[in-house]
Amino acid sequence: MKCRKCDGELEVKRSCRRVRLKCRNCHREYQIHEVASDLDEKTSAILEQYTTIIYD
């Protein structure tokens, strides 16, 4: 997936109780619901590994 701000690559970042997508270039973080309509197959497959995603 690409960052909406700079077009950099987003990576899935998991912390204790949350999952975010973080840009490797500009370091902006997105909550899952912010980019849900843009999820690609690769990112969706990674997110499917987590049994629960907390939207905060």
N, C-alpha and C. Protein backbone atom coordinates (compact mmCIF):
# COMPACT_ATOMS: atom_id res chain seq x y z
N MET A 1 0.83 -1.18 0.00
CA MET A 1 0.00 0.00 0.00
C MET A 1 0.87 1.24 0.00
N LYS A 2 0.32 2.31 -0.50
CA LYS A 2 1.03 3.57 -0.58
C LYS A 2 0.43 4.59 0.39
N CYS A 3 1.31 5.41 0.93
CA CYS A 3 0.92 6.49 1.83
C CYS A 3 0.12 7.54 1.06
N ARG A 4 -0.93 8.03 1.67
CA ARG A 4 -1.74 9.07 1.03
C ARG A 4 -1.01 10.41 1.01
N LYS A 5 -0.08 10.59 1.90
CA LYS A 5 0.62 11.88 2.02
C LYS A 5 1.81 11.98 1.05
N CYS A 6 2.67 10.94 1.03
CA CYS A 6 3.91 11.05 0.24
C CYS A 6 4.09 9.93 -0.78
N ASP A 7 3.16 8.99 -0.83
CA ASP A 7 3.22 7.86 -1.76
C ASP A 7 4.29 6.83 -1.39
N GLY A 8 4.82 6.93 -0.15
CA GLY A 8 5.77 5.94 0.34
C GLY A 8 5.07 4.63 0.67
N GLU A 9 5.84 3.61 0.95
CA GLU A 9 5.27 2.29 1.25
C GLU A 9 4.81 2.22 2.71
N LEU A 10 3.59 1.71 2.91
CA LEU A 10 3.06 1.51 4.25
C LEU A 10 3.40 0.11 4.73
N GLU A 11 3.76 0.01 6.01
CA GLU A 11 4.01 -1.29 6.60
C GLU A 11 3.12 -1.46 7.82
N VAL A 12 2.76 -2.69 8.11
CA VAL A 12 1.92 -2.98 9.26
C VAL A 12 2.78 -2.96 10.51
N LYS A 13 2.35 -2.18 11.49
CA LYS A 13 3.04 -2.08 12.78
C LYS A 13 2.08 -2.53 13.87
N ARG A 14 2.47 -3.55 14.61
CA ARG A 14 1.64 -4.07 15.68
C ARG A 14 2.28 -3.74 17.01
N SER A 15 1.49 -3.17 17.91
CA SER A 15 1.94 -2.96 19.28
C SER A 15 1.04 -3.80 20.18
N CYS A 16 1.16 -3.63 21.44
CA CYS A 16 0.47 -4.49 22.40
C CYS A 16 -1.03 -4.64 22.11
N ARG A 17 -1.72 -3.54 21.90
CA ARG A 17 -3.17 -3.62 21.75
C ARG A 17 -3.70 -2.95 20.49
N ARG A 18 -2.83 -2.68 19.55
CA ARG A 18 -3.32 -2.01 18.35
C ARG A 18 -2.45 -2.34 17.14
N VAL A 19 -3.03 -2.11 15.99
CA VAL A 19 -2.34 -2.32 14.72
C VAL A 19 -2.48 -1.03 13.92
N ARG A 20 -1.38 -0.58 13.37
CA ARG A 20 -1.38 0.63 12.55
C ARG A 20 -0.61 0.36 11.26
N LEU A 21 -0.85 1.20 10.28
CA LEU A 21 -0.06 1.20 9.06
C LEU A 21 0.83 2.43 9.13
N LYS A 22 2.14 2.24 8.98
CA LYS A 22 3.09 3.34 9.12
C LYS A 22 3.90 3.48 7.84
N CYS A 23 4.04 4.71 7.39
CA CYS A 23 4.80 4.99 6.19
C CYS A 23 6.30 4.89 6.49
N ARG A 24 6.99 4.18 5.64
CA ARG A 24 8.45 4.04 5.81
C ARG A 24 9.19 5.32 5.43
N ASN A 25 8.54 6.17 4.66
CA ASN A 25 9.20 7.38 4.19
C ASN A 25 8.94 8.58 5.12
N CYS A 26 7.68 8.97 5.32
CA CYS A 26 7.37 10.16 6.10
C CYS A 26 6.98 9.83 7.54
N HIS A 27 6.83 8.55 7.86
CA HIS A 27 6.53 8.05 9.20
C HIS A 27 5.12 8.37 9.69
N ARG A 28 4.23 8.79 8.81
CA ARG A 28 2.84 9.02 9.19
C ARG A 28 2.20 7.68 9.52
N GLU A 29 1.38 7.66 10.56
CA GLU A 29 0.65 6.45 10.95
C GLU A 29 -0.83 6.60 10.61
N TYR A 30 -1.40 5.51 10.12
CA TYR A 30 -2.82 5.46 9.80
C TYR A 30 -3.49 4.40 10.64
N GLN A 31 -4.68 4.70 11.14
CA GLN A 31 -5.49 3.68 11.76
C GLN A 31 -6.11 2.85 10.64
N ILE A 32 -6.42 1.61 10.92
CA ILE A 32 -6.93 0.72 9.88
C ILE A 32 -8.18 1.28 9.21
N HIS A 33 -9.10 1.82 9.99
CA HIS A 33 -10.35 2.32 9.39
C HIS A 33 -10.12 3.53 8.48
N GLU A 34 -9.01 4.22 8.63
CA GLU A 34 -8.71 5.37 7.77
C GLU A 34 -8.36 4.95 6.35
N VAL A 35 -7.81 3.77 6.20
CA VAL A 35 -7.36 3.31 4.88
C VAL A 35 -8.03 2.01 4.45
N ALA A 36 -9.07 1.62 5.15
CA ALA A 36 -9.72 0.33 4.87
C ALA A 36 -10.18 0.20 3.42
N SER A 37 -10.65 1.27 2.83
CA SER A 37 -11.13 1.20 1.44
C SER A 37 -10.00 1.03 0.43
N ASP A 38 -8.76 1.26 0.86
CA ASP A 38 -7.60 1.17 -0.03
C ASP A 38 -6.74 -0.06 0.19
N LEU A 39 -7.13 -0.95 1.09
CA LEU A 39 -6.30 -2.12 1.41
C LEU A 39 -6.05 -2.96 0.17
N ASP A 40 -4.80 -3.34 -0.04
CA ASP A 40 -4.47 -4.24 -1.14
C ASP A 40 -4.41 -5.67 -0.61
N GLU A 41 -4.24 -6.63 -1.50
CA GLU A 41 -4.26 -8.05 -1.11
C GLU A 41 -3.13 -8.38 -0.14
N LYS A 42 -1.95 -7.85 -0.39
CA LYS A 42 -0.80 -8.14 0.47
C LYS A 42 -1.05 -7.66 1.90
N THR A 43 -1.51 -6.43 2.05
CA THR A 43 -1.78 -5.87 3.37
C THR A 43 -2.93 -6.59 4.05
N SER A 44 -3.97 -6.91 3.30
CA SER A 44 -5.10 -7.65 3.86
C SER A 44 -4.65 -9.00 4.40
N ALA A 45 -3.77 -9.66 3.68
CA ALA A 45 -3.28 -10.98 4.12
C ALA A 45 -2.49 -10.85 5.43
N ILE A 46 -1.71 -9.79 5.56
CA ILE A 46 -0.97 -9.57 6.81
C ILE A 46 -1.94 -9.32 7.95
N LEU A 47 -2.94 -8.48 7.73
CA LEU A 47 -3.91 -8.15 8.78
C LEU A 47 -4.74 -9.35 9.20
N GLU A 48 -4.96 -10.29 8.29
CA GLU A 48 -5.73 -11.49 8.62
C GLU A 48 -5.02 -12.37 9.64
N GLN A 49 -3.74 -12.18 9.85
CA GLN A 49 -2.99 -12.96 10.83
C GLN A 49 -3.38 -12.61 12.27
N TYR A 50 -3.93 -11.42 12.46
CA TYR A 50 -4.28 -10.97 13.79
C TYR A 50 -5.74 -11.31 14.07
N THR A 51 -5.97 -11.96 15.20
CA THR A 51 -7.33 -12.40 15.53
C THR A 51 -8.24 -11.24 15.90
N THR A 52 -7.68 -10.18 16.45
CA THR A 52 -8.47 -9.02 16.84
C THR A 52 -7.71 -7.76 16.50
N ILE A 53 -8.41 -6.85 15.89
CA ILE A 53 -7.85 -5.53 15.61
C ILE A 53 -8.72 -4.52 16.35
N ILE A 54 -8.11 -3.73 17.19
CA ILE A 54 -8.84 -2.73 17.96
C ILE A 54 -8.78 -1.42 17.22
N TYR A 55 -9.94 -0.86 16.95
CA TYR A 55 -10.02 0.44 16.28
C TYR A 55 -10.13 1.51 17.35
N ASP A 56 -9.12 2.34 17.45
CA ASP A 56 -9.17 3.43 18.43
C ASP A 56 -8.88 4.76 17.79
